[in-house]
Amino acid sequence: MKSILGVLKKLRAKERSLREKWAATGDADKRGELSGKLDVLRAQRLKGVARLQEIRADLREQGRPQHTRTEVAPRSTTDQERIGSQVRSDLP
């Protein structure tokens, strides 16, 4: 399951990259080529997501643990809290 998650992350990153290239390209031929690649990537990713959901459903039915995540220490402040404190300090 971890390998599927890794592949899905790579596909998502590649899809985002191609989407950015598509948006930045003005050439119609190049956009058509990028659209074709995006369609293929999207189909692969959706198929992988569907397969991952099937695996997780099977694991739930069997009562086995799905995916264990490592515990990460919480951050002291979030970006939102830092931004909010800066805004509040500017107010009279």
PDB file of N, CA and C in Angstrom:
ATOM      1  N   MET A   1       0.826  -1.185   0.000  1.00  0.00           N
ATOM      2  CA  MET A   1       0.000   0.000   0.000  1.00  0.00           C
ATOM      3  C   MET A   1       0.877   1.257   0.000  1.00  0.00           C
ATOM      4  N   LYS A   2       2.021   1.194   0.686  1.00  0.00           N
ATOM      5  CA  LYS A   2       2.903   2.353   0.717  1.00  0.00           C
ATOM      6  C   LYS A   2       3.438   2.661  -0.677  1.00  0.00           C
ATOM      7  N   SER A   3       3.701   1.611  -1.450  1.00  0.00           N
ATOM      8  CA  SER A   3       4.226   1.840  -2.796  1.00  0.00           C
ATOM      9  C   SER A   3       3.176   2.511  -3.674  1.00  0.00           C
ATOM     10  N   ILE A   4       1.920   2.127  -3.508  1.00  0.00           N
ATOM     11  CA  ILE A   4       0.838   2.759  -4.272  1.00  0.00           C
ATOM     12  C   ILE A   4       0.721   4.230  -3.892  1.00  0.00           C
ATOM     13  N   LEU A   5       0.820   4.525  -2.592  1.00  0.00           N
ATOM     14  CA  LEU A   5       0.750   5.911  -2.145  1.00  0.00           C
ATOM     15  C   LEU A   5       1.890   6.734  -2.741  1.00  0.00           C
ATOM     16  N   GLY A   6       3.084   6.160  -2.788  1.00  0.00           N
ATOM     17  CA  GLY A   6       4.223   6.857  -3.362  1.00  0.00           C
ATOM     18  C   GLY A   6       4.029   7.155  -4.840  1.00  0.00           C
ATOM     19  N   VAL A   7       3.513   6.178  -5.573  1.00  0.00           N
ATOM     20  CA  VAL A   7       3.261   6.362  -6.997  1.00  0.00           C
ATOM     21  C   VAL A   7       2.182   7.420  -7.213  1.00  0.00           C
ATOM     22  N   LEU A   8       1.140   7.394  -6.397  1.00  0.00           N
ATOM     23  CA  LEU A   8       0.064   8.374  -6.528  1.00  0.00           C
ATOM     24  C   LEU A   8       0.567   9.790  -6.263  1.00  0.00           C
ATOM     25  N   LYS A   9       1.467   9.940  -5.298  1.00  0.00           N
ATOM     26  CA  LYS A   9       2.026  11.265  -5.016  1.00  0.00           C
ATOM     27  C   LYS A   9       2.849  11.769  -6.200  1.00  0.00           C
ATOM     28  N   LYS A  10       3.638  10.874  -6.796  1.00  0.00           N
ATOM     29  CA  LYS A  10       4.440  11.266  -7.959  1.00  0.00           C
ATOM     30  C   LYS A  10       3.542  11.638  -9.135  1.00  0.00           C
ATOM     31  N   LEU A  11       2.489  10.864  -9.345  1.00  0.00           N
ATOM     32  CA  LEU A  11       1.559  11.173 -10.434  1.00  0.00           C
ATOM     33  C   LEU A  11       0.867  12.516 -10.207  1.00  0.00           C
ATOM     34  N   ARG A  12       0.489  12.780  -8.969  1.00  0.00           N
ATOM     35  CA  ARG A  12      -0.165  14.049  -8.659  1.00  0.00           C
ATOM     36  C   ARG A  12       0.779  15.226  -8.906  1.00  0.00           C
ATOM     37  N   ALA A  13       2.042  15.065  -8.497  1.00  0.00           N
ATOM     38  CA  ALA A  13       3.027  16.134  -8.711  1.00  0.00           C
ATOM     39  C   ALA A  13       3.259  16.361 -10.206  1.00  0.00           C
ATOM     40  N   LYS A  14       3.342  15.281 -10.950  1.00  0.00           N
ATOM     41  CA  LYS A  14       3.551  15.406 -12.389  1.00  0.00           C
ATOM     42  C   LYS A  14       2.337  16.039 -13.062  1.00  0.00           C
ATOM     43  N   GLU A  15       1.149  15.686 -12.589  1.00  0.00           N
ATOM     44  CA  GLU A  15      -0.075  16.263 -13.145  1.00  0.00           C
ATOM     45  C   GLU A  15      -0.119  17.774 -12.884  1.00  0.00           C
ATOM     46  N   ARG A  16       0.239  18.185 -11.688  1.00  0.00           N
ATOM     47  CA  ARG A  16       0.256  19.616 -11.367  1.00  0.00           C
ATOM     48  C   ARG A  16       1.273  20.359 -12.233  1.00  0.00           C
ATOM     49  N   SER A  17       2.431  19.744 -12.409  1.00  0.00           N
ATOM     50  CA  SER A  17       3.472  20.351 -13.227  1.00  0.00           C
ATOM     51  C   SER A  17       2.998  20.526 -14.669  1.00  0.00           C
ATOM     52  N   LEU A  18       2.379  19.491 -15.228  1.00  0.00           N
ATOM     53  CA  LEU A  18       1.868  19.590 -16.596  1.00  0.00           C
ATOM     54  C   LEU A  18       0.743  20.609 -16.703  1.00  0.00           C
ATOM     55  N   ARG A  19      -0.079  20.700 -15.665  1.00  0.00           N
ATOM     56  CA  ARG A  19      -1.164  21.674 -15.670  1.00  0.00           C
ATOM     57  C   ARG A  19      -0.616  23.108 -15.696  1.00  0.00           C
ATOM     58  N   GLU A  20       0.472  23.328 -14.942  1.00  0.00           N
ATOM     59  CA  GLU A  20       1.108  24.645 -14.933  1.00  0.00           C
ATOM     60  C   GLU A  20       1.717  24.960 -16.298  1.00  0.00           C
ATOM     61  N   LYS A  21       2.371  23.961 -16.908  1.00  0.00           N
ATOM     62  CA  LYS A  21       2.941  24.156 -18.247  1.00  0.00           C
ATOM     63  C   LYS A  21       1.839  24.461 -19.250  1.00  0.00           C
ATOM     64  N   TRP A  22       0.717  23.753 -19.130  1.00  0.00           N
ATOM     65  CA  TRP A  22      -0.406  23.947 -20.049  1.00  0.00           C
ATOM     66  C   TRP A  22      -0.923  25.385 -19.932  1.00  0.00           C
ATOM     67  N   ALA A  23      -1.044  25.874 -18.693  1.00  0.00           N
ATOM     68  CA  ALA A  23      -1.556  27.224 -18.477  1.00  0.00           C
ATOM     69  C   ALA A  23      -0.588  28.289 -18.996  1.00  0.00           C
ATOM     70  N   ALA A  24       0.711  28.001 -18.936  1.00  0.00           N
ATOM     71  CA  ALA A  24       1.709  28.975 -19.360  1.00  0.00           C
ATOM     72  C   ALA A  24       1.964  28.953 -20.867  1.00  0.00           C
ATOM     73  N   THR A  25       1.483  27.913 -21.546  1.00  0.00           N
ATOM     74  CA  THR A  25       1.741  27.761 -22.975  1.00  0.00           C
ATOM     75  C   THR A  25       0.648  28.437 -23.783  1.00  0.00           C
ATOM     76  N   GLY A  26       1.064  29.214 -24.769  1.00  0.00           N
ATOM     77  CA  GLY A  26       0.104  29.881 -25.649  1.00  0.00           C
ATOM     78  C   GLY A  26      -0.085  29.138 -26.961  1.00  0.00           C
ATOM     79  N   ASP A  27       0.857  28.261 -27.308  1.00  0.00           N
ATOM     80  CA  ASP A  27       0.811  27.517 -28.552  1.00  0.00           C
ATOM     81  C   ASP A  27      -0.272  26.437 -28.492  1.00  0.00           C
ATOM     82  N   ALA A  28      -1.182  26.453 -29.467  1.00  0.00           N
ATOM     83  CA  ALA A  28      -2.305  25.519 -29.474  1.00  0.00           C
ATOM     84  C   ALA A  28      -1.836  24.077 -29.651  1.00  0.00           C
ATOM     85  N   ASP A  29      -0.820  23.856 -30.501  1.00  0.00           N
ATOM     86  CA  ASP A  29      -0.322  22.494 -30.709  1.00  0.00           C
ATOM     87  C   ASP A  29       0.297  21.934 -29.435  1.00  0.00           C
ATOM     88  N   LYS A  30       1.078  22.767 -28.765  1.00  0.00           N
ATOM     89  CA  LYS A  30       1.714  22.333 -27.519  1.00  0.00           C
ATOM     90  C   LYS A  30       0.656  22.057 -26.444  1.00  0.00           C
ATOM     91  N   ARG A  31      -0.382  22.902 -26.396  1.00  0.00           N
ATOM     92  CA  ARG A  31      -1.466  22.689 -25.425  1.00  0.00           C
ATOM     93  C   ARG A  31      -2.189  21.377 -25.692  1.00  0.00           C
ATOM     94  N   GLY A  32      -2.400  21.062 -26.961  1.00  0.00           N
ATOM     95  CA  GLY A  32      -3.061  19.803 -27.307  1.00  0.00           C
ATOM     96  C   GLY A  32      -2.237  18.606 -26.864  1.00  0.00           C
ATOM     97  N   GLU A  33      -0.919  18.701 -27.064  1.00  0.00           N
ATOM     98  CA  GLU A  33      -0.028  17.623 -26.632  1.00  0.00           C
ATOM     99  C   GLU A  33      -0.054  17.464 -25.119  1.00  0.00           C
ATOM    100  N   LEU A  34       0.008  18.596 -24.407  1.00  0.00           N
ATOM    101  CA  LEU A  34      -0.026  18.558 -22.945  1.00  0.00           C
ATOM    102  C   LEU A  34      -1.373  18.052 -22.432  1.00  0.00           C
ATOM    103  N   SER A  35      -2.457  18.398 -23.129  1.00  0.00           N
ATOM    104  CA  SER A  35      -3.790  17.924 -22.723  1.00  0.00           C
ATOM    105  C   SER A  35      -3.874  16.411 -22.811  1.00  0.00           C
ATOM    106  N   GLY A  36      -3.288  15.850 -23.881  1.00  0.00           N
ATOM    107  CA  GLY A  36      -3.278  14.398 -24.020  1.00  0.00           C
ATOM    108  C   GLY A  36      -2.517  13.732 -22.892  1.00  0.00           C
ATOM    109  N   LYS A  37      -1.359  14.290 -22.542  1.00  0.00           N
ATOM    110  CA  LYS A  37      -0.572  13.744 -21.438  1.00  0.00           C
ATOM    111  C   LYS A  37      -1.323  13.872 -20.116  1.00  0.00           C
ATOM    112  N   LEU A  38      -2.005  15.010 -19.927  1.00  0.00           N
ATOM    113  CA  LEU A  38      -2.786  15.208 -18.703  1.00  0.00           C
ATOM    114  C   LEU A  38      -3.916  14.192 -18.591  1.00  0.00           C
ATOM    115  N   ASP A  39      -4.576  13.916 -19.700  1.00  0.00           N
ATOM    116  CA  ASP A  39      -5.662  12.932 -19.691  1.00  0.00           C
ATOM    117  C   ASP A  39      -5.154  11.556 -19.266  1.00  0.00           C
ATOM    118  N   VAL A  40      -3.990  11.162 -19.798  1.00  0.00           N
ATOM    119  CA  VAL A  40      -3.412   9.863 -19.452  1.00  0.00           C
ATOM    120  C   VAL A  40      -3.034   9.822 -17.977  1.00  0.00           C
ATOM    121  N   LEU A  41      -2.370  10.870 -17.498  1.00  0.00           N
ATOM    122  CA  LEU A  41      -1.973  10.921 -16.090  1.00  0.00           C
ATOM    123  C   LEU A  41      -3.180  10.889 -15.159  1.00  0.00           C
ATOM    124  N   ARG A  42      -4.188  11.653 -15.508  1.00  0.00           N
ATOM    125  CA  ARG A  42      -5.402  11.698 -14.691  1.00  0.00           C
ATOM    126  C   ARG A  42      -6.059  10.327 -14.611  1.00  0.00           C
ATOM    127  N   ALA A  43      -6.122   9.633 -15.746  1.00  0.00           N
ATOM    128  CA  ALA A  43      -6.723   8.296 -15.772  1.00  0.00           C
ATOM    129  C   ALA A  43      -5.909   7.319 -14.920  1.00  0.00           C
ATOM    130  N   GLN A  44      -4.583   7.390 -15.026  1.00  0.00           N
ATOM    131  CA  GLN A  44      -3.734   6.510 -14.221  1.00  0.00           C
ATOM    132  C   GLN A  44      -3.923   6.780 -12.736  1.00  0.00           C
ATOM    133  N   ARG A  45      -3.955   8.061 -12.381  1.00  0.00           N
ATOM    134  CA  ARG A  45      -4.088   8.416 -10.967  1.00  0.00           C
ATOM    135  C   ARG A  45      -5.441   7.991 -10.415  1.00  0.00           C
ATOM    136  N   LEU A  46      -6.502   8.223 -11.183  1.00  0.00           N
ATOM    137  CA  LEU A  46      -7.838   7.827 -10.720  1.00  0.00           C
ATOM    138  C   LEU A  46      -7.951   6.314 -10.573  1.00  0.00           C
ATOM    139  N   LYS A  47      -7.323   5.570 -11.473  1.00  0.00           N
ATOM    140  CA  LYS A  47      -7.334   4.117 -11.368  1.00  0.00           C
ATOM    141  C   LYS A  47      -6.580   3.681 -10.110  1.00  0.00           C
ATOM    142  N   GLY A  48      -5.463   4.346  -9.822  1.00  0.00           N
ATOM    143  CA  GLY A  48      -4.701   4.036  -8.619  1.00  0.00           C
ATOM    144  C   GLY A  48      -5.465   4.365  -7.350  1.00  0.00           C
ATOM    145  N   VAL A  49      -6.154   5.494  -7.353  1.00  0.00           N
ATOM    146  CA  VAL A  49      -6.952   5.890  -6.192  1.00  0.00           C
ATOM    147  C   VAL A  49      -8.075   4.882  -5.952  1.00  0.00           C
ATOM    148  N   ALA A  50      -8.713   4.446  -7.031  1.00  0.00           N
ATOM    149  CA  ALA A  50      -9.790   3.452  -6.899  1.00  0.00           C
ATOM    150  C   ALA A  50      -9.254   2.138  -6.338  1.00  0.00           C
ATOM    151  N   ARG A  51      -8.091   1.728  -6.815  1.00  0.00           N
ATOM    152  CA  ARG A  51      -7.482   0.483  -6.326  1.00  0.00           C
ATOM    153  C   ARG A  51      -7.111   0.617  -4.852  1.00  0.00           C
ATOM    154  N   LEU A  52      -6.574   1.772  -4.454  1.00  0.00           N
ATOM    155  CA  LEU A  52      -6.209   2.006  -3.059  1.00  0.00           C
ATOM    156  C   LEU A  52      -7.447   1.947  -2.164  1.00  0.00           C
ATOM    157  N   GLN A  53      -8.554   2.508  -2.622  1.00  0.00           N
ATOM    158  CA  GLN A  53      -9.794   2.452  -1.853  1.00  0.00           C
ATOM    159  C   GLN A  53     -10.285   1.016  -1.701  1.00  0.00           C
ATOM    160  N   GLU A  54     -10.122   0.210  -2.757  1.00  0.00           N
ATOM    161  CA  GLU A  54     -10.504  -1.204  -2.665  1.00  0.00           C
ATOM    162  C   GLU A  54      -9.653  -1.922  -1.625  1.00  0.00           C
ATOM    163  N   ILE A  55      -8.353  -1.666  -1.647  1.00  0.00           N
ATOM    164  CA  ILE A  55      -7.444  -2.314  -0.688  1.00  0.00           C
ATOM    165  C   ILE A  55      -7.808  -1.916   0.734  1.00  0.00           C
ATOM    166  N   ARG A  56      -8.063  -0.632   0.938  1.00  0.00           N
ATOM    167  CA  ARG A  56      -8.420  -0.170   2.282  1.00  0.00           C
ATOM    168  C   ARG A  56      -9.739  -0.784   2.747  1.00  0.00           C
ATOM    169  N   ALA A  57     -10.708  -0.906   1.837  1.00  0.00           N
ATOM    170  CA  ALA A  57     -11.986  -1.517   2.200  1.00  0.00           C
ATOM    171  C   ALA A  57     -11.786  -2.981   2.581  1.00  0.00           C
ATOM    172  N   ASP A  58     -10.954  -3.691   1.830  1.00  0.00           N
ATOM    173  CA  ASP A  58     -10.668  -5.091   2.152  1.00  0.00           C
ATOM    174  C   ASP A  58     -10.003  -5.215   3.517  1.00  0.00           C
ATOM    175  N   LEU A  59      -9.072  -4.320   3.805  1.00  0.00           N
ATOM    176  CA  LEU A  59      -8.402  -4.362   5.099  1.00  0.00           C
ATOM    177  C   LEU A  59      -9.371  -4.084   6.238  1.00  0.00           C
ATOM    178  N   ARG A  60     -10.300  -3.140   6.022  1.00  0.00           N
ATOM    179  CA  ARG A  60     -11.298  -2.837   7.057  1.00  0.00           C
ATOM    180  C   ARG A  60     -12.182  -4.053   7.315  1.00  0.00           C
ATOM    181  N   GLU A  61     -12.562  -4.745   6.247  1.00  0.00           N
ATOM    182  CA  GLU A  61     -13.409  -5.930   6.395  1.00  0.00           C
ATOM    183  C   GLU A  61     -12.684  -7.033   7.152  1.00  0.00           C
ATOM    184  N   GLN A  62     -11.389  -7.143   6.956  1.00  0.00           N
ATOM    185  CA  GLN A  62     -10.605  -8.181   7.619  1.00  0.00           C
ATOM    186  C   GLN A  62     -10.209  -7.776   9.033  1.00  0.00           C
ATOM    187  N   GLY A  63     -10.413  -6.516   9.376  1.00  0.00           N
ATOM    188  CA  GLY A  63     -10.077  -6.036  10.708  1.00  0.00           C
ATOM    189  C   GLY A  63      -8.592  -5.828  10.908  1.00  0.00           C
ATOM    190  N   ARG A  64      -7.837  -5.687   9.825  1.00  0.00           N
ATOM    191  CA  ARG A  64      -6.402  -5.473   9.921  1.00  0.00           C
ATOM    192  C   ARG A  64      -6.108  -3.979   9.887  1.00  0.00           C
ATOM    193  N   PRO A  65      -5.018  -3.565  10.523  1.00  0.00           N
ATOM    194  CA  PRO A  65      -4.670  -2.139  10.484  1.00  0.00           C
ATOM    195  C   PRO A  65      -4.341  -1.711   9.063  1.00  0.00           C
ATOM    196  N   GLN A  66      -4.725  -0.497   8.730  1.00  0.00           N
ATOM    197  CA  GLN A  66      -4.526  -0.001   7.374  1.00  0.00           C
ATOM    198  C   GLN A  66      -3.114   0.511   7.178  1.00  0.00           C
ATOM    199  N   HIS A  67      -2.883   1.683   7.617  1.00  0.00           N
ATOM    200  CA  HIS A  67      -1.608   2.353   7.379  1.00  0.00           C
ATOM    201  C   HIS A  67      -1.233   3.079   8.652  1.00  0.00           C
ATOM    202  N   THR A  68      -0.085   2.784   9.161  1.00  0.00           N
ATOM    203  CA  THR A  68       0.329   3.460  10.381  1.00  0.00           C
ATOM    204  C   THR A  68       1.165   4.666  10.016  1.00  0.00           C
ATOM    205  N   ARG A  69       0.857   5.766  10.622  1.00  0.00           N
ATOM    206  CA  ARG A  69       1.594   6.995  10.382  1.00  0.00           C
ATOM    207  C   ARG A  69       2.523   7.246  11.549  1.00  0.00           C
ATOM    208  N   THR A  70       3.636   7.815  11.264  1.00  0.00           N
ATOM    209  CA  THR A  70       4.555   8.159  12.334  1.00  0.00           C
ATOM    210  C   THR A  70       4.068   9.431  12.999  1.00  0.00           C
ATOM    211  N   GLU A  71       4.245   9.487  14.288  1.00  0.00           N
ATOM    212  CA  GLU A  71       3.811  10.658  15.035  1.00  0.00           C
ATOM    213  C   GLU A  71       4.787  11.803  14.806  1.00  0.00           C
ATOM    214  N   VAL A  72       4.255  12.962  14.541  1.00  0.00           N
ATOM    215  CA  VAL A  72       5.060  14.151  14.339  1.00  0.00           C
ATOM    216  C   VAL A  72       4.729  15.121  15.455  1.00  0.00           C
ATOM    217  N   ALA A  73       5.769  15.700  16.030  1.00  0.00           N
ATOM    218  CA  ALA A  73       5.548  16.661  17.115  1.00  0.00           C
ATOM    219  C   ALA A  73       4.797  17.872  16.564  1.00  0.00           C
ATOM    220  N   PRO A  74       3.788  18.345  17.267  1.00  0.00           N
ATOM    221  CA  PRO A  74       3.033  19.504  16.778  1.00  0.00           C
ATOM    222  C   PRO A  74       3.909  20.745  16.758  1.00  0.00           C
ATOM    223  N   ARG A  75       3.655  21.590  15.782  1.00  0.00           N
ATOM    224  CA  ARG A  75       4.389  22.843  15.686  1.00  0.00           C
ATOM    225  C   ARG A  75       3.900  23.788  16.770  1.00  0.00           C
ATOM    226  N   SER A  76       4.790  24.653  17.212  1.00  0.00           N
ATOM    227  CA  SER A  76       4.427  25.561  18.301  1.00  0.00           C
ATOM    228  C   SER A  76       3.368  26.563  17.838  1.00  0.00           C
ATOM    229  N   THR A  77       3.532  27.107  16.648  1.00  0.00           N
ATOM    230  CA  THR A  77       2.528  28.009  16.103  1.00  0.00           C
ATOM    231  C   THR A  77       2.351  27.711  14.631  1.00  0.00           C
ATOM    232  N   THR A  78       1.160  27.906  14.162  1.00  0.00           N
ATOM    233  CA  THR A  78       0.886  27.692  12.755  1.00  0.00           C
ATOM    234  C   THR A  78       1.092  28.991  11.998  1.00  0.00           C
ATOM    235  N   ASP A  79       1.175  28.874  10.688  1.00  0.00           N
ATOM    236  CA  ASP A  79       1.317  30.071   9.860  1.00  0.00           C
ATOM    237  C   ASP A  79       0.142  31.010  10.091  1.00  0.00           C
ATOM    238  N   GLN A  80      -1.039  30.440  10.230  1.00  0.00           N
ATOM    239  CA  GLN A  80      -2.238  31.247  10.425  1.00  0.00           C
ATOM    240  C   GLN A  80      -2.148  32.025  11.732  1.00  0.00           C
ATOM    241  N   GLU A  81      -1.652  31.371  12.785  1.00  0.00           N
ATOM    242  CA  GLU A  81      -1.523  32.059  14.064  1.00  0.00           C
ATOM    243  C   GLU A  81      -0.500  33.179  13.976  1.00  0.00           C
ATOM    244  N   ARG A  82       0.637  32.924  13.249  1.00  0.00           N
ATOM    245  CA  ARG A  82       1.651  33.956  13.104  1.00  0.00           C
ATOM    246  C   ARG A  82       1.115  35.142  12.323  1.00  0.00           C
ATOM    247  N   ILE A  83       0.373  34.865  11.256  1.00  0.00           N
ATOM    248  CA  ILE A  83      -0.200  35.943  10.445  1.00  0.00           C
ATOM    249  C   ILE A  83      -1.213  36.718  11.275  1.00  0.00           C
ATOM    250  N   GLY A  84      -2.053  36.000  12.013  1.00  0.00           N
ATOM    251  CA  GLY A  84      -3.063  36.651  12.842  1.00  0.00           C
ATOM    252  C   GLY A  84      -2.442  37.526  13.912  1.00  0.00           C
ATOM    253  N   SER A  85      -1.336  37.072  14.514  1.00  0.00           N
ATOM    254  CA  SER A  85      -0.707  37.879  15.553  1.00  0.00           C
ATOM    255  C   SER A  85      -0.070  39.127  14.959  1.00  0.00           C
ATOM    256  N   GLN A  86       0.437  39.029  13.734  1.00  0.00           N
ATOM    257  CA  GLN A  86       1.015  40.209  13.091  1.00  0.00           C
ATOM    258  C   GLN A  86      -0.059  41.227  12.765  1.00  0.00           C
ATOM    259  N   VAL A  87      -1.192  40.747  12.305  1.00  0.00           N
ATOM    260  CA  VAL A  87      -2.279  41.652  11.963  1.00  0.00           C
ATOM    261  C   VAL A  87      -2.807  42.325  13.229  1.00  0.00           C
ATOM    262  N   ARG A  88      -2.981  41.564  14.286  1.00  0.00           N
ATOM    263  CA  ARG A  88      -3.501  42.108  15.526  1.00  0.00           C
ATOM    264  C   ARG A  88      -2.553  43.131  16.146  1.00  0.00           C
ATOM    265  N   SER A  89      -1.260  42.932  16.005  1.00  0.00           N
ATOM    266  CA  SER A  89      -0.310  43.868  16.597  1.00  0.00           C
ATOM    267  C   SER A  89      -0.295  45.200  15.860  1.00  0.00           C
ATOM    268  N   ASP A  90      -0.760  45.210  14.610  1.00  0.00           N
ATOM    269  CA  ASP A  90      -0.808  46.450  13.836  1.00  0.00           C
ATOM    270  C   ASP A  90      -2.033  47.302  14.181  1.00  0.00           C
ATOM    271  N   LEU A  91      -3.022  46.695  14.784  1.00  0.00           N
ATOM    272  CA  LEU A  91      -4.247  47.430  15.101  1.00  0.00           C
ATOM    273  C   LEU A  91      -4.014  48.343  16.309  1.00  0.00           C
ATOM    274  N   PRO A  92      -4.653  49.507  16.314  1.00  0.00           N
ATOM    275  CA  PRO A  92      -4.489  50.437  17.459  1.00  0.00           C
ATOM    276  C   PRO A  92      -5.169  49.930  18.715  1.00  0.00           C
TER     277      PRO A  92
END
